[in-house]
Amino acid sequence: MNMTWMRRAIDRLRASGQDLADDERGDVPGWVLITLMTAGLVVVIWALAGPALAGLFEQAIERVSGF
């Protein structure tokens, strides 16, 4: 009887461990998607704001240096 209880406990632990492993693997595509979307937003914002930021920088340098 004691061996049956122990065997069931071991099987439950294995099943729990497998569930945890499956949960972790399922999260990877979500993080990849978030990373790609963030990179895409950075590229779009940079493309739109880049020229304006470059102009601001040039104005600041001209004011400081007096050219």
PDB file of N, CA and C in Angstrom:
ATOM      1  N   MET A   1       0.819  -1.192   0.000  1.00  0.00           N
ATOM      2  CA  MET A   1       0.000   0.000   0.000  1.00  0.00           C
ATOM      3  C   MET A   1       0.863   1.257   0.000  1.00  0.00           C
ATOM      4  N   ASN A   2       1.945   1.247   0.756  1.00  0.00           N
ATOM      5  CA  ASN A   2       2.812   2.411   0.842  1.00  0.00           C
ATOM      6  C   ASN A   2       3.453   2.730  -0.498  1.00  0.00           C
ATOM      7  N   MET A   3       3.807   1.718  -1.260  1.00  0.00           N
ATOM      8  CA  MET A   3       4.425   1.926  -2.563  1.00  0.00           C
ATOM      9  C   MET A   3       3.434   2.524  -3.562  1.00  0.00           C
ATOM     10  N   THR A   4       2.161   2.137  -3.453  1.00  0.00           N
ATOM     11  CA  THR A   4       1.141   2.684  -4.353  1.00  0.00           C
ATOM     12  C   THR A   4       0.980   4.175  -4.106  1.00  0.00           C
ATOM     13  N   TRP A   5       0.927   4.580  -2.867  1.00  0.00           N
ATOM     14  CA  TRP A   5       0.789   5.994  -2.520  1.00  0.00           C
ATOM     15  C   TRP A   5       1.995   6.782  -3.034  1.00  0.00           C
ATOM     16  N   MET A   6       3.178   6.218  -2.845  1.00  0.00           N
ATOM     17  CA  MET A   6       4.395   6.901  -3.281  1.00  0.00           C
ATOM     18  C   MET A   6       4.427   7.016  -4.806  1.00  0.00           C
ATOM     19  N   ARG A   7       4.003   5.971  -5.490  1.00  0.00           N
ATOM     20  CA  ARG A   7       3.983   5.990  -6.952  1.00  0.00           C
ATOM     21  C   ARG A   7       3.029   7.068  -7.464  1.00  0.00           C
ATOM     22  N   ARG A   8       1.857   7.185  -6.825  1.00  0.00           N
ATOM     23  CA  ARG A   8       0.888   8.219  -7.222  1.00  0.00           C
ATOM     24  C   ARG A   8       1.455   9.616  -6.981  1.00  0.00           C
ATOM     25  N   ALA A   9       2.141   9.788  -5.857  1.00  0.00           N
ATOM     26  CA  ALA A   9       2.730  11.088  -5.543  1.00  0.00           C
ATOM     27  C   ALA A   9       3.789  11.457  -6.581  1.00  0.00           C
ATOM     28  N   ILE A  10       4.596  10.499  -6.956  1.00  0.00           N
ATOM     29  CA  ILE A  10       5.630  10.754  -7.969  1.00  0.00           C
ATOM     30  C   ILE A  10       4.987  11.097  -9.307  1.00  0.00           C
ATOM     31  N   ASP A  11       3.942  10.388  -9.680  1.00  0.00           N
ATOM     32  CA  ASP A  11       3.251  10.680 -10.936  1.00  0.00           C
ATOM     33  C   ASP A  11       2.642  12.076 -10.920  1.00  0.00           C
ATOM     34  N   ARG A  12       2.069  12.482  -9.771  1.00  0.00           N
ATOM     35  CA  ARG A  12       1.494  13.822  -9.661  1.00  0.00           C
ATOM     36  C   ARG A  12       2.571  14.891  -9.775  1.00  0.00           C
ATOM     37  N   LEU A  13       3.722  14.661  -9.155  1.00  0.00           N
ATOM     38  CA  LEU A  13       4.822  15.618  -9.251  1.00  0.00           C
ATOM     39  C   LEU A  13       5.321  15.752 -10.688  1.00  0.00           C
ATOM     40  N   ARG A  14       5.441  14.635 -11.369  1.00  0.00           N
ATOM     41  CA  ARG A  14       5.871  14.678 -12.766  1.00  0.00           C
ATOM     42  C   ARG A  14       4.873  15.446 -13.622  1.00  0.00           C
ATOM     43  N   ALA A  15       3.582  15.203 -13.395  1.00  0.00           N
ATOM     44  CA  ALA A  15       2.549  15.905 -14.168  1.00  0.00           C
ATOM     45  C   ALA A  15       2.598  17.400 -13.882  1.00  0.00           C
ATOM     46  N   SER A  16       2.809  17.775 -12.627  1.00  0.00           N
ATOM     47  CA  SER A  16       2.899  19.192 -12.271  1.00  0.00           C
ATOM     48  C   SER A  16       4.112  19.830 -12.937  1.00  0.00           C
ATOM     49  N   GLY A  17       5.224  19.148 -12.906  1.00  0.00           N
ATOM     50  CA  GLY A  17       6.434  19.659 -13.546  1.00  0.00           C
ATOM     51  C   GLY A  17       6.247  19.813 -15.041  1.00  0.00           C
ATOM     52  N   GLN A  18       5.571  18.877 -15.663  1.00  0.00           N
ATOM     53  CA  GLN A  18       5.320  18.961 -17.103  1.00  0.00           C
ATOM     54  C   GLN A  18       4.398  20.139 -17.419  1.00  0.00           C
ATOM     55  N   ASP A  19       3.381  20.363 -16.579  1.00  0.00           N
ATOM     56  CA  ASP A  19       2.481  21.507 -16.784  1.00  0.00           C
ATOM     57  C   ASP A  19       3.250  22.818 -16.695  1.00  0.00           C
ATOM     58  N   LEU A  20       4.146  22.928 -15.736  1.00  0.00           N
ATOM     59  CA  LEU A  20       4.938  24.152 -15.594  1.00  0.00           C
ATOM     60  C   LEU A  20       5.834  24.363 -16.803  1.00  0.00           C
ATOM     61  N   ALA A  21       6.445  23.306 -17.275  1.00  0.00           N
ATOM     62  CA  ALA A  21       7.324  23.412 -18.443  1.00  0.00           C
ATOM     63  C   ALA A  21       6.528  23.831 -19.672  1.00  0.00           C
ATOM     64  N   ASP A  22       5.335  23.287 -19.835  1.00  0.00           N
ATOM     65  CA  ASP A  22       4.504  23.651 -20.977  1.00  0.00           C
ATOM     66  C   ASP A  22       4.078  25.115 -20.892  1.00  0.00           C
ATOM     67  N   ASP A  23       3.748  25.586 -19.688  1.00  0.00           N
ATOM     68  CA  ASP A  23       3.349  26.978 -19.517  1.00  0.00           C
ATOM     69  C   ASP A  23       4.475  27.923 -19.906  1.00  0.00           C
ATOM     70  N   GLU A  24       5.697  27.621 -19.515  1.00  0.00           N
ATOM     71  CA  GLU A  24       6.828  28.483 -19.821  1.00  0.00           C
ATOM     72  C   GLU A  24       7.088  28.533 -21.319  1.00  0.00           C
ATOM     73  N   ARG A  25       6.980  27.418 -21.989  1.00  0.00           N
ATOM     74  CA  ARG A  25       7.222  27.394 -23.430  1.00  0.00           C
ATOM     75  C   ARG A  25       6.144  28.172 -24.172  1.00  0.00           C
ATOM     76  N   GLY A  26       4.934  28.172 -23.664  1.00  0.00           N
ATOM     77  CA  GLY A  26       3.844  28.867 -24.319  1.00  0.00           C
ATOM     78  C   GLY A  26       3.994  30.372 -24.274  1.00  0.00           C
ATOM     79  N   ASP A  27       4.788  30.881 -23.349  1.00  0.00           N
ATOM     80  CA  ASP A  27       4.955  32.320 -23.200  1.00  0.00           C
ATOM     81  C   ASP A  27       5.959  32.906 -24.192  1.00  0.00           C
ATOM     82  N   VAL A  28       6.833  32.092 -24.729  1.00  0.00           N
ATOM     83  CA  VAL A  28       7.896  32.596 -25.588  1.00  0.00           C
ATOM     84  C   VAL A  28       7.362  33.326 -26.821  1.00  0.00           C
ATOM     85  N   PRO A  29       6.404  32.801 -27.549  1.00  0.00           N
ATOM     86  CA  PRO A  29       5.916  33.545 -28.719  1.00  0.00           C
ATOM     87  C   PRO A  29       5.337  34.911 -28.349  1.00  0.00           C
ATOM     88  N   GLY A  30       4.716  35.026 -27.195  1.00  0.00           N
ATOM     89  CA  GLY A  30       4.195  36.317 -26.749  1.00  0.00           C
ATOM     90  C   GLY A  30       5.295  37.335 -26.558  1.00  0.00           C
ATOM     91  N   TRP A  31       6.378  36.924 -25.918  1.00  0.00           N
ATOM     92  CA  TRP A  31       7.498  37.848 -25.699  1.00  0.00           C
ATOM     93  C   TRP A  31       8.183  38.208 -27.000  1.00  0.00           C
ATOM     94  N   VAL A  32       8.266  37.269 -27.914  1.00  0.00           N
ATOM     95  CA  VAL A  32       8.861  37.567 -29.214  1.00  0.00           C
ATOM     96  C   VAL A  32       8.001  38.600 -29.945  1.00  0.00           C
ATOM     97  N   LEU A  33       6.688  38.427 -29.901  1.00  0.00           N
ATOM     98  CA  LEU A  33       5.787  39.368 -30.557  1.00  0.00           C
ATOM     99  C   LEU A  33       5.902  40.759 -29.938  1.00  0.00           C
ATOM    100  N   ILE A  34       5.955  40.838 -28.620  1.00  0.00           N
ATOM    101  CA  ILE A  34       6.092  42.134 -27.941  1.00  0.00           C
ATOM    102  C   ILE A  34       7.409  42.805 -28.339  1.00  0.00           C
ATOM    103  N   THR A  35       8.479  42.037 -28.397  1.00  0.00           N
ATOM    104  CA  THR A  35       9.788  42.589 -28.773  1.00  0.00           C
ATOM    105  C   THR A  35       9.774  43.119 -30.202  1.00  0.00           C
ATOM    106  N   LEU A  36       9.192  42.352 -31.121  1.00  0.00           N
ATOM    107  CA  LEU A  36       9.132  42.790 -32.517  1.00  0.00           C
ATOM    108  C   LEU A  36       8.248  44.026 -32.674  1.00  0.00           C
ATOM    109  N   MET A  37       7.133  44.073 -31.965  1.00  0.00           N
ATOM    110  CA  MET A  37       6.254  45.237 -32.051  1.00  0.00           C
ATOM    111  C   MET A  37       6.938  46.475 -31.485  1.00  0.00           C
ATOM    112  N   THR A  38       7.678  46.320 -30.400  1.00  0.00           N
ATOM    113  CA  THR A  38       8.403  47.449 -29.816  1.00  0.00           C
ATOM    114  C   THR A  38       9.465  47.960 -30.783  1.00  0.00           C
ATOM    115  N   ALA A  39      10.188  47.046 -31.396  1.00  0.00           N
ATOM    116  CA  ALA A  39      11.204  47.449 -32.370  1.00  0.00           C
ATOM    117  C   ALA A  39      10.556  48.177 -33.550  1.00  0.00           C
ATOM    118  N   GLY A  40       9.413  47.694 -33.997  1.00  0.00           N
ATOM    119  CA  GLY A  40       8.703  48.355 -35.083  1.00  0.00           C
ATOM    120  C   GLY A  40       8.260  49.762 -34.711  1.00  0.00           C
ATOM    121  N   LEU A  41       7.754  49.928 -33.496  1.00  0.00           N
ATOM    122  CA  LEU A  41       7.355  51.264 -33.041  1.00  0.00           C
ATOM    123  C   LEU A  41       8.547  52.209 -32.977  1.00  0.00           C
ATOM    124  N   VAL A  42       9.680  51.723 -32.513  1.00  0.00           N
ATOM    125  CA  VAL A  42      10.879  52.561 -32.440  1.00  0.00           C
ATOM    126  C   VAL A  42      11.289  53.017 -33.840  1.00  0.00           C
ATOM    127  N   VAL A  43      11.237  52.119 -34.804  1.00  0.00           N
ATOM    128  CA  VAL A  43      11.615  52.475 -36.170  1.00  0.00           C
ATOM    129  C   VAL A  43      10.656  53.521 -36.733  1.00  0.00           C
ATOM    130  N   VAL A  44       9.358  53.346 -36.515  1.00  0.00           N
ATOM    131  CA  VAL A  44       8.371  54.303 -37.036  1.00  0.00           C
ATOM    132  C   VAL A  44       8.540  55.668 -36.382  1.00  0.00           C
ATOM    133  N   ILE A  45       8.692  55.691 -35.066  1.00  0.00           N
ATOM    134  CA  ILE A  45       8.867  56.971 -34.358  1.00  0.00           C
ATOM    135  C   ILE A  45      10.158  57.646 -34.802  1.00  0.00           C
ATOM    136  N   TRP A  46      11.213  56.862 -34.948  1.00  0.00           N
ATOM    137  CA  TRP A  46      12.499  57.427 -35.388  1.00  0.00           C
ATOM    138  C   TRP A  46      12.373  58.020 -36.783  1.00  0.00           C
ATOM    139  N   ALA A  47      11.649  57.332 -37.669  1.00  0.00           N
ATOM    140  CA  ALA A  47      11.493  57.828 -39.035  1.00  0.00           C
ATOM    141  C   ALA A  47      10.694  59.136 -39.060  1.00  0.00           C
ATOM    142  N   LEU A  48       9.681  59.232 -38.214  1.00  0.00           N
ATOM    143  CA  LEU A  48       8.858  60.432 -38.190  1.00  0.00           C
ATOM    144  C   LEU A  48       9.530  61.588 -37.464  1.00  0.00           C
ATOM    145  N   ALA A  49      10.186  61.310 -36.349  1.00  0.00           N
ATOM    146  CA  ALA A  49      10.741  62.371 -35.512  1.00  0.00           C
ATOM    147  C   ALA A  49      12.219  62.637 -35.792  1.00  0.00           C
ATOM    148  N   GLY A  50      12.877  61.777 -36.539  1.00  0.00           N
ATOM    149  CA  GLY A  50      14.310  61.930 -36.795  1.00  0.00           C
ATOM    150  C   GLY A  50      14.704  63.265 -37.382  1.00  0.00           C
ATOM    151  N   PRO A  51      14.077  63.686 -38.469  1.00  0.00           N
ATOM    152  CA  PRO A  51      14.453  64.978 -39.057  1.00  0.00           C
ATOM    153  C   PRO A  51      14.216  66.160 -38.104  1.00  0.00           C
ATOM    154  N   ALA A  52      13.114  66.127 -37.378  1.00  0.00           N
ATOM    155  CA  ALA A  52      12.833  67.213 -36.433  1.00  0.00           C
ATOM    156  C   ALA A  52      13.866  67.238 -35.309  1.00  0.00           C
ATOM    157  N   LEU A  53      14.240  66.064 -34.822  1.00  0.00           N
ATOM    158  CA  LEU A  53      15.251  65.998 -33.766  1.00  0.00           C
ATOM    159  C   LEU A  53      16.616  66.454 -34.284  1.00  0.00           C
ATOM    160  N   ALA A  54      16.932  66.098 -35.520  1.00  0.00           N
ATOM    161  CA  ALA A  54      18.210  66.537 -36.104  1.00  0.00           C
ATOM    162  C   ALA A  54      18.239  68.058 -36.237  1.00  0.00           C
ATOM    163  N   GLY A  55      17.123  68.638 -36.666  1.00  0.00           N
ATOM    164  CA  GLY A  55      17.046  70.094 -36.762  1.00  0.00           C
ATOM    165  C   GLY A  55      17.186  70.774 -35.413  1.00  0.00           C
ATOM    166  N   LEU A  56      16.537  70.208 -34.400  1.00  0.00           N
ATOM    167  CA  LEU A  56      16.658  70.747 -33.045  1.00  0.00           C
ATOM    168  C   LEU A  56      18.097  70.690 -32.557  1.00  0.00           C
ATOM    169  N   PHE A  57      18.754  69.583 -32.825  1.00  0.00           N
ATOM    170  CA  PHE A  57      20.146  69.422 -32.412  1.00  0.00           C
ATOM    171  C   PHE A  57      21.042  70.455 -33.108  1.00  0.00           C
ATOM    172  N   GLU A  58      20.837  70.629 -34.395  1.00  0.00           N
ATOM    173  CA  GLU A  58      21.647  71.602 -35.149  1.00  0.00           C
ATOM    174  C   GLU A  58      21.421  73.023 -34.633  1.00  0.00           C
ATOM    175  N   GLN A  59      20.175  73.371 -34.318  1.00  0.00           N
ATOM    176  CA  GLN A  59      19.883  74.693 -33.750  1.00  0.00           C
ATOM    177  C   GLN A  59      20.594  74.888 -32.416  1.00  0.00           C
ATOM    178  N   ALA A  60      20.556  73.870 -31.582  1.00  0.00           N
ATOM    179  CA  ALA A  60      21.202  73.960 -30.275  1.00  0.00           C
ATOM    180  C   ALA A  60      22.700  74.146 -30.426  1.00  0.00           C
ATOM    181  N   ILE A  61      23.327  73.412 -31.352  1.00  0.00           N
ATOM    182  CA  ILE A  61      24.766  73.539 -31.577  1.00  0.00           C
ATOM    183  C   ILE A  61      25.101  74.926 -32.111  1.00  0.00           C
ATOM    184  N   GLU A  62      24.279  75.441 -33.025  1.00  0.00           N
ATOM    185  CA  GLU A  62      24.520  76.782 -33.564  1.00  0.00           C
ATOM    186  C   GLU A  62      24.438  77.849 -32.472  1.00  0.00           C
ATOM    187  N   ARG A  63      23.474  77.718 -31.590  1.00  0.00           N
ATOM    188  CA  ARG A  63      23.341  78.692 -30.500  1.00  0.00           C
ATOM    189  C   ARG A  63      24.513  78.647 -29.531  1.00  0.00           C
ATOM    190  N   VAL A  64      24.982  77.453 -29.245  1.00  0.00           N
ATOM    191  CA  VAL A  64      26.082  77.299 -28.299  1.00  0.00           C
ATOM    192  C   VAL A  64      27.401  77.759 -28.920  1.00  0.00           C
ATOM    193  N   SER A  65      27.639  77.346 -30.153  1.00  0.00           N
ATOM    194  CA  SER A  65      28.930  77.655 -30.776  1.00  0.00           C
ATOM    195  C   SER A  65      28.948  79.038 -31.430  1.00  0.00           C
ATOM    196  N   GLY A  66      27.809  79.602 -31.767  1.00  0.00           N
ATOM    197  CA  GLY A  66      27.745  80.929 -32.346  1.00  0.00           C
ATOM    198  C   GLY A  66      27.992  80.964 -33.845  1.00  0.00           C
ATOM    199  N   PHE A  67      27.901  79.822 -34.515  1.00  0.00           N
ATOM    200  CA  PHE A  67      28.137  79.798 -35.971  1.00  0.00           C
ATOM    201  C   PHE A  67      26.906  80.218 -36.700  1.00  0.00           C
TER     202      PHE A  67
END
